[in-house]
Protein backbone atom coordinates (compact mmCIF):
# COMPACT_ATOMS: atom_id res chain seq x y z
CA MET A 1 0.68 -8.27 52.16
CA LEU A 2 2.17 -8.22 48.66
CA SER A 3 5.95 -8.56 48.95
CA ASN A 4 8.75 -6.91 50.96
CA LEU A 5 12.57 -7.33 50.78
CA PHE A 6 16.27 -6.41 51.44
CA LEU A 7 19.91 -6.98 50.07
CA LEU A 8 22.81 -9.28 49.02
CA PRO A 9 26.68 -9.86 48.40
CA GLY A 10 28.76 -10.82 45.43
CA LEU A 11 30.85 -12.90 43.16
CA LEU A 12 30.88 -14.58 39.63
CA ALA A 13 31.34 -17.85 37.87
CA GLY A 14 34.02 -18.98 40.04
CA ALA A 15 36.05 -15.74 40.76
CA LEU A 16 35.52 -14.02 44.09
CA LEU A 17 34.60 -10.35 43.62
CA THR A 18 35.21 -7.58 46.06
CA ALA A 19 32.83 -4.77 47.01
CA PRO A 20 33.18 -1.70 45.03
CA ALA A 21 34.48 1.29 46.96
CA THR A 22 31.40 3.44 45.95
CA ALA A 23 27.83 2.58 45.40
CA PRO A 24 27.70 1.06 41.80
CA THR A 25 25.22 2.32 39.22
CA PRO A 26 22.59 -0.33 38.12
CA ALA A 27 24.14 -2.83 35.74
CA SER A 28 22.60 -3.85 32.47
CA SER A 29 24.37 -7.26 32.07
CA ALA A 30 23.78 -10.29 34.16
CA GLU A 31 27.35 -10.56 35.14
CA ALA A 32 27.63 -6.86 36.17
CA ASN A 33 24.56 -7.25 38.36
CA LEU A 34 26.02 -10.34 39.90
CA ALA A 35 29.29 -8.52 40.61
CA ASN A 36 27.28 -6.22 43.06
CA ILE A 37 26.65 -9.12 45.46
CA LYS A 38 28.55 -9.02 48.67
CA LEU A 39 29.29 -12.15 50.65
CA PRO A 40 31.45 -12.95 53.74
CA ALA A 41 35.07 -13.92 53.08
CA GLY A 42 35.52 -17.12 51.22
CA PHE A 43 32.21 -17.36 49.67
CA ARG A 44 31.39 -17.17 46.01
CA ILE A 45 28.17 -16.73 43.92
CA ALA A 46 27.37 -17.66 40.35
CA TYR A 47 24.45 -18.33 38.06
CA PHE A 48 23.00 -21.82 38.40
CA ALA A 49 20.39 -21.12 35.73
CA GLN A 50 19.00 -18.07 33.90
CA ASN A 51 15.73 -17.44 32.07
CA VAL A 52 13.83 -19.30 34.85
CA GLY A 53 10.73 -17.11 34.51
CA GLY A 54 9.38 -15.95 37.91
CA ALA A 55 11.47 -18.39 39.81
CA ARG A 56 9.90 -19.12 43.19
CA GLU A 57 10.05 -22.15 45.46
CA LEU A 58 12.61 -24.70 44.95
CA ALA A 59 12.82 -28.47 45.51
CA LEU A 60 15.47 -31.20 45.14
CA GLY A 61 14.84 -34.58 43.51
CA PRO A 62 16.82 -37.74 44.70
CA ASP A 63 18.91 -37.59 41.38
CA GLY A 64 19.79 -34.06 42.03
CA THR A 65 17.34 -32.26 39.53
CA VAL A 66 16.17 -28.97 40.97
CA TYR A 67 12.46 -28.20 40.46
CA VAL A 68 11.24 -24.64 40.49
CA GLY A 69 7.74 -23.09 40.83
CA SER A 70 6.50 -19.73 39.61
CA LYS A 71 3.64 -17.24 40.06
CA GLU A 72 2.23 -15.25 37.22
CA GLN A 73 4.02 -17.19 34.59
CA GLY A 74 1.92 -20.34 35.53
CA LYS A 75 5.04 -22.53 34.80
CA VAL A 76 6.94 -25.28 36.65
CA TYR A 77 10.55 -25.98 35.66
CA ALA A 78 13.20 -28.64 35.93
CA LEU A 79 16.87 -27.84 36.27
CA PRO A 80 19.01 -30.87 35.76
CA ASP A 81 22.62 -30.92 36.46
CA ARG A 82 23.77 -34.24 35.44
CA ASN A 83 27.58 -33.47 35.23
CA ARG A 84 27.44 -31.76 38.66
CA ASP A 85 29.41 -28.82 37.62
CA GLY A 86 27.21 -26.36 39.49
CA LYS A 87 25.27 -25.27 36.59
CA ALA A 88 22.04 -26.40 35.23
CA ASP A 89 22.30 -28.30 32.00
CA ALA A 90 19.03 -26.97 30.65
CA VAL A 91 15.83 -25.18 31.76
CA ILE A 92 12.91 -27.58 31.11
CA THR A 93 9.29 -26.49 31.22
CA LEU A 94 7.37 -29.27 32.78
CA ALA A 95 4.06 -27.58 33.00
CA SER A 96 2.47 -24.30 31.96
CA GLY A 97 -0.88 -22.56 32.15
CA LEU A 98 -1.36 -23.43 35.90
CA ASN A 99 -2.77 -21.18 38.53
CA ASN A 100 0.16 -19.47 40.08
CA PRO A 101 2.10 -22.83 40.86
CA ASN A 102 4.38 -21.17 43.47
CA GLY A 103 5.03 -24.34 45.71
CA VAL A 104 6.86 -27.39 44.78
CA ALA A 105 8.01 -30.54 46.80
CA VAL A 106 9.49 -34.01 45.94
CA ARG A 107 8.52 -37.24 47.82
CA GLN A 108 9.35 -40.73 46.57
CA GLY A 109 10.04 -39.72 43.01
CA SER A 110 6.96 -37.69 42.65
CA LEU A 111 6.78 -33.82 42.26
CA TYR A 112 3.98 -32.10 44.15
CA VAL A 113 2.92 -28.69 42.87
CA ALA A 114 0.86 -26.22 44.69
CA GLU A 115 -1.53 -23.90 42.71
CA ILE A 116 -3.51 -21.39 44.51
CA ASN A 117 -6.60 -23.61 44.90
CA ARG A 118 -5.24 -27.28 44.55
CA ILE A 119 -2.20 -29.42 44.92
CA LEU A 120 -1.09 -31.71 41.90
CA ARG A 121 1.34 -34.70 41.87
CA TYR A 122 3.49 -35.69 38.97
CA ASP A 123 4.65 -39.28 39.36
CA ASN A 124 8.04 -40.67 38.18
CA ILE A 125 8.91 -37.13 37.24
CA ALA A 126 12.77 -37.70 36.94
CA THR A 127 12.46 -40.09 34.11
CA ASN A 128 9.82 -38.11 32.27
CA LEU A 129 11.24 -34.54 32.19
CA GLN A 130 10.84 -34.22 28.44
CA LYS A 131 7.26 -35.61 28.58
CA PRO A 132 5.71 -35.09 32.07
CA PRO A 133 2.79 -37.55 32.91
CA ARG A 134 -0.81 -36.06 33.50
CA PRO A 135 -0.84 -34.90 36.94
CA VAL A 136 -2.94 -36.39 39.74
CA VAL A 137 -5.14 -33.88 41.81
CA VAL A 138 -4.18 -34.56 45.43
CA TYR A 139 -6.25 -31.87 47.06
CA ASN A 140 -8.46 -29.36 45.48
CA LYS A 141 -10.39 -27.57 48.36
CA LEU A 142 -7.86 -24.69 48.99
CA PRO A 143 -9.46 -21.20 48.80
CA THR A 144 -9.40 -19.45 45.45
CA GLU A 145 -8.53 -15.90 46.73
CA GLU A 146 -5.28 -14.50 45.23
CA TRP A 147 -4.36 -12.22 47.88
CA HIS A 148 -1.71 -14.10 49.85
CA GLY A 149 -2.62 -17.16 47.83
CA TRP A 150 0.79 -18.21 46.88
CA ARG A 151 1.29 -21.66 48.40
CA TYR A 152 4.67 -22.76 49.88
CA ILE A 153 4.77 -26.59 50.50
CA ALA A 154 7.07 -29.05 52.19
CA PHE A 155 7.02 -32.43 53.77
CA GLY A 156 7.78 -32.35 57.42
CA PRO A 157 9.64 -35.03 59.57
CA ASP A 158 6.20 -36.62 60.19
CA GLY A 159 5.79 -37.43 56.49
CA GLN A 160 2.90 -35.13 55.91
CA LEU A 161 2.64 -32.28 53.40
CA TYR A 162 2.40 -28.86 54.99
CA VAL A 163 0.53 -25.97 53.29
CA PRO A 164 -0.26 -22.52 54.38
CA VAL A 165 -3.35 -20.40 53.61
CA GLY A 166 -2.66 -16.75 54.07
CA ALA A 167 -5.07 -14.13 54.92
CA PRO A 168 -7.07 -12.65 51.84
CA CYS A 169 -6.26 -8.97 52.96
CA ASN A 170 -3.95 -6.72 54.46
CA THR A 171 -5.57 -7.17 57.88
CA CYS A 172 -8.97 -8.42 58.56
CA LEU A 173 -11.10 -10.96 60.60
CA PRO A 174 -10.90 -14.17 58.53
CA THR A 175 -14.26 -14.93 57.03
CA LYS A 176 -13.18 -18.59 56.82
CA PRO A 177 -11.41 -20.65 59.52
CA ILE A 178 -8.78 -21.79 57.01
CA PHE A 179 -7.53 -18.26 56.35
CA GLY A 180 -4.39 -17.21 58.30
CA THR A 181 -3.21 -20.84 59.10
CA ILE A 182 -0.59 -23.61 58.24
CA ASN A 183 -2.20 -26.90 57.60
CA ARG A 184 -0.94 -30.47 56.81
CA MET A 185 -2.33 -33.58 55.04
CA LYS A 186 -1.12 -37.09 54.23
CA PRO A 187 0.71 -37.40 51.00
CA ASP A 188 -2.46 -38.69 49.22
CA GLY A 189 -4.42 -35.63 50.33
CA THR A 190 -6.51 -37.21 53.02
CA GLY A 191 -6.44 -36.13 56.73
CA PHE A 192 -6.31 -32.43 56.14
CA GLN A 193 -5.93 -30.63 59.42
CA ASN A 194 -4.92 -27.32 60.91
CA PHE A 195 -1.45 -27.07 62.42
CA ALA A 196 -1.03 -23.19 63.35
CA VAL A 197 -3.29 -20.31 63.33
CA GLY A 198 -2.87 -16.56 63.53
CA VAL A 199 -0.42 -16.57 60.76
CA ARG A 200 -0.98 -13.65 58.43
CA ASN A 201 1.07 -14.88 55.38
CA THR A 202 3.99 -17.33 55.64
CA VAL A 203 5.76 -18.24 52.26
CA GLY A 204 8.62 -20.09 53.95
CA PHE A 205 9.08 -22.80 56.65
CA ASP A 206 11.55 -25.51 57.66
CA TRP A 207 12.19 -27.94 60.49
CA HIS A 208 15.22 -27.85 62.81
CA PRO A 209 17.57 -30.74 61.87
CA VAL A 210 17.88 -31.98 65.44
CA THR A 211 14.68 -30.85 67.34
CA LYS A 212 12.29 -31.44 64.27
CA GLU A 213 10.47 -28.30 65.42
CA MET A 214 8.97 -26.18 62.73
CA TRP A 215 10.15 -22.59 62.12
CA PHE A 216 8.57 -20.15 59.79
CA THR A 217 8.67 -16.62 58.45
CA ASP A 218 5.61 -14.36 58.61
CA ASN A 219 5.03 -11.11 56.82
CA GLY A 220 3.72 -8.25 59.01
CA ARG A 221 0.78 -6.09 57.84
CA ASP A 222 1.21 -2.81 55.75
CA GLN A 223 0.13 0.67 56.42
CA LEU A 224 1.42 1.32 59.97
CA GLY A 225 4.33 3.27 58.64
CA ASP A 226 7.95 2.52 57.60
CA ASP A 227 9.03 0.89 60.81
CA LEU A 228 6.07 -1.14 62.14
CA PRO A 229 5.49 -3.97 62.36
CA ALA A 230 8.53 -6.18 62.10
CA ASP A 231 8.43 -9.38 60.00
CA GLU A 232 8.55 -12.38 62.20
CA LEU A 233 10.56 -15.60 62.58
CA ASN A 234 8.42 -18.03 64.59
CA ARG A 235 9.02 -21.41 66.24
CA ALA A 236 6.07 -23.78 66.41
CA PRO A 237 7.11 -26.66 68.75
CA ARG A 238 3.75 -28.27 68.61
CA ALA A 239 0.36 -27.95 66.79
CA GLY A 240 -2.51 -25.79 67.98
CA LEU A 241 -0.51 -22.41 68.60
CA HIS A 242 -1.83 -18.93 67.77
CA PHE A 243 0.64 -16.48 66.37
CA GLY A 244 -1.40 -13.26 66.74
CA PHE A 245 -2.95 -12.37 63.53
CA PRO A 246 -5.04 -10.31 63.10
CA TYR A 247 -5.00 -8.89 66.67
CA TYR A 248 -1.19 -8.53 67.35
CA PHE A 249 1.99 -8.33 65.02
CA ALA A 250 5.56 -9.02 66.00
CA GLY A 251 4.40 -9.89 69.47
CA ASP A 252 3.85 -6.35 70.78
CA VAL A 253 2.11 -4.30 67.97
CA PRO A 254 -1.70 -4.41 68.43
CA ASP A 255 -3.69 -3.93 65.32
CA PRO A 256 -5.55 -0.50 65.53
CA ASP A 257 -8.88 -2.05 64.76
CA PHE A 258 -8.75 -5.65 65.86
CA GLY A 259 -6.29 -5.52 68.83
CA LYS A 260 -8.63 -3.40 71.07
CA GLY A 261 -9.21 -5.40 74.23
CA LYS A 262 -6.87 -8.15 73.44
CA SER A 263 -3.71 -9.16 75.21
CA ALA A 264 -0.36 -9.73 73.68
CA ALA A 265 0.15 -12.57 76.28
CA SER A 266 -2.59 -14.68 74.65
CA TYR A 267 -0.43 -15.16 71.40
CA GLN A 268 3.02 -16.66 70.64
CA LYS A 269 5.82 -14.20 70.41
CA PRO A 270 8.11 -14.42 67.49
CA ALA A 271 11.41 -16.17 68.06
CA ARG A 272 12.98 -13.23 66.37
CA LYS A 273 11.89 -9.91 64.95
CA LEU A 274 12.99 -9.45 61.46
CA GLY A 275 13.12 -6.10 59.46
CA ALA A 276 9.99 -4.13 58.91
CA HIS A 277 8.49 -4.88 55.57
CA VAL A 278 11.44 -6.88 54.40
CA ALA A 279 9.09 -9.70 53.03
CA ALA A 280 11.03 -12.74 54.62
CA LEU A 281 10.13 -15.61 52.45
CA GLY A 282 11.63 -19.18 51.85
CA MET A 283 13.72 -19.76 54.92
CA LYS A 284 16.00 -22.88 55.21
CA PHE A 285 18.24 -24.41 57.78
CA TYR A 286 21.67 -25.00 56.53
CA THR A 287 22.11 -28.74 56.70
CA GLY A 288 25.26 -29.20 54.54
CA LYS A 289 28.81 -29.59 55.41
CA GLN A 290 30.52 -27.23 52.88
CA PHE A 291 30.11 -24.03 54.67
CA PRO A 292 32.22 -23.40 57.91
CA ALA A 293 30.91 -25.00 61.01
CA GLN A 294 29.37 -21.86 62.42
CA TYR A 295 26.70 -21.91 59.79
CA ARG A 296 25.56 -25.52 60.30
CA ASN A 297 21.90 -25.73 61.46
CA GLN A 298 21.69 -22.12 61.32
CA ILE A 299 18.73 -20.15 59.54
CA PHE A 300 19.09 -18.44 56.22
CA ILE A 301 16.25 -16.16 55.14
CA PRO A 302 15.74 -14.64 51.71
CA GLU A 303 14.20 -11.31 52.14
CA HIS A 304 12.13 -10.48 48.92
CA GLY A 305 12.05 -6.77 49.63
CA SER A 306 9.70 -3.92 50.65
CA TRP A 307 7.15 -2.58 48.19
CA ASN A 308 5.45 0.28 50.06
CA ARG A 309 8.35 1.63 52.41
CA SER A 310 9.57 5.13 51.64
CA SER A 311 13.24 3.82 51.95
CA LYS A 312 13.41 0.19 50.48
CA SER A 313 14.38 -2.60 52.84
CA GLY A 314 15.16 -6.33 52.27
CA TYR A 315 16.46 -7.42 48.94
CA ARG A 316 19.17 -9.77 50.66
CA ILE A 317 19.71 -12.98 52.40
CA SER A 318 19.98 -12.83 56.15
CA LEU A 319 21.35 -15.19 58.79
CA VAL A 320 19.79 -16.06 62.20
CA LYS A 321 21.93 -17.75 64.49
CA LEU A 322 20.53 -20.08 67.15
CA ASP A 323 21.74 -21.26 70.47
CA PRO A 324 22.97 -24.82 71.07
CA THR A 325 19.70 -26.09 71.91
CA GLY A 326 18.09 -24.87 68.64
CA LYS A 327 15.30 -23.16 70.43
CA GLN A 328 16.58 -19.59 70.85
CA ALA A 329 17.52 -17.16 68.18
CA LEU A 330 20.62 -15.25 69.31
CA SER A 331 21.27 -12.78 66.28
CA TYR A 332 20.04 -11.50 63.01
CA GLU A 333 22.57 -10.24 60.46
CA THR A 334 23.09 -9.88 56.69
CA PHE A 335 24.73 -12.80 54.82
CA ALA A 336 24.42 -11.59 51.37
CA GLU A 337 23.36 -8.21 49.75
CA GLY A 338 23.55 -6.28 46.69
CA TRP A 339 20.23 -6.99 44.85
CA LEU A 340 19.45 -3.39 45.74
CA ILE A 341 21.50 -0.60 44.44
CA GLY A 342 20.53 2.70 45.95
CA GLN A 343 16.70 2.47 45.74
CA GLN A 344 16.74 0.54 42.48
CA SER A 345 16.39 -3.45 42.58
CA TRP A 346 17.79 -5.77 39.85
CA GLY A 347 16.67 -8.93 41.84
CA ARG A 348 14.43 -10.20 44.66
CA PRO A 349 15.45 -13.36 46.55
CA VAL A 350 12.57 -15.80 47.11
CA CYS A 351 13.54 -19.16 48.26
CA LEU A 352 16.58 -21.27 49.24
CA LEU A 353 17.67 -24.87 48.81
CA VAL A 354 20.64 -26.69 50.04
CA LEU A 355 22.20 -29.05 47.41
CA ALA A 356 23.89 -32.40 48.09
CA ASP A 357 27.35 -30.91 47.81
CA GLY A 358 26.44 -28.34 50.51
CA SER A 359 26.06 -25.18 48.25
CA LEU A 360 23.11 -23.07 48.53
CA LEU A 361 20.61 -22.10 45.74
CA VAL A 362 18.61 -18.73 45.74
CA SER A 363 15.81 -18.20 43.46
CA ASP A 364 15.10 -14.79 42.27
CA ASP A 365 11.62 -13.86 40.61
CA GLN A 366 12.68 -10.38 39.30
CA SER A 367 15.91 -11.45 37.41
CA ASP A 368 14.40 -14.82 36.50
CA ALA A 369 17.35 -16.59 37.87
CA VAL A 370 18.66 -19.13 40.22
CA PHE A 371 21.95 -18.41 41.93
CA ARG A 372 24.44 -20.82 43.67
CA ILE A 373 26.52 -19.87 46.55
CA TRP A 374 29.29 -21.96 47.72
CA TYR A 375 32.33 -21.69 50.22
CA ALA A 376 35.68 -21.87 48.46
CA GLY A 377 37.74 -21.21 51.59
């Protein structure tokens, strides 16, 4: 599916803002837009960086530099914050002309970049921001189909690089075994193997800080109406599980064409149903210590927002709270909203990143920005 989303809360460069009494009109300035964001008491939001064209996945270097992928812009950016003041010193274009380089990840000083069809590696990147080295091609056998072709990448607790391959359709029987999967490989690109199947389109996953189990978002199919099916938050405690696509969605919605004669019991049910068409993307466990204790090891999900729902949904950051074991999702609620004003959006959250100081970054590919959320008490 293309993209679906929800809402968010608000603040500005250091001063906590309160929600307006009436629905605000769409604002023209960046500061006025940001003032629409509503957050829980004690939280603030400000711009970490602006003019980051089509900002998508975020990754953190060991020196604190933030790396940002993009889609149609074909660019990869670096956002250094050397004085640690909570704002990027500059927006540096590391690469351009790439094939939708949505995904970025950092390992041992190297920046990995995922295009639709291949994965690149830029070595010693932190010391070469102004003149990046020529990239090494790590893997070049990914499908070239653009539909659900935006790659989200991350290194797991096992040291392997994980990369999903979405279905090249709204709903269909995959023509190649690699479609509708999450896969992993060694950092040098060898040992490519399947990890999970039946995954329509995930553009966000992370591992529980304690159990080390993978959790991921998955976008449900379109054209079953406004309220079906729900997007999914899934838990993958081991390799080899099937999460339903293209036969079942959200654990209990059979596909009208491909679900006939299939049993929902044959597939993994979601750990939590999310909103229909919200386009849940780059989720993260909160691993910092700055937020109050109730947020630690809980899941934050940016909801990019719906594109084909009669009343828009998403355009927010949601929060899923887990039980003490880290295996059961107990609740699903709004953490931040305000990117959607009435039926008009000024921003679309994509990906999250926890910084070393415990603050939370949010990328936005509509307003070309990266926000920083922190707790001021």
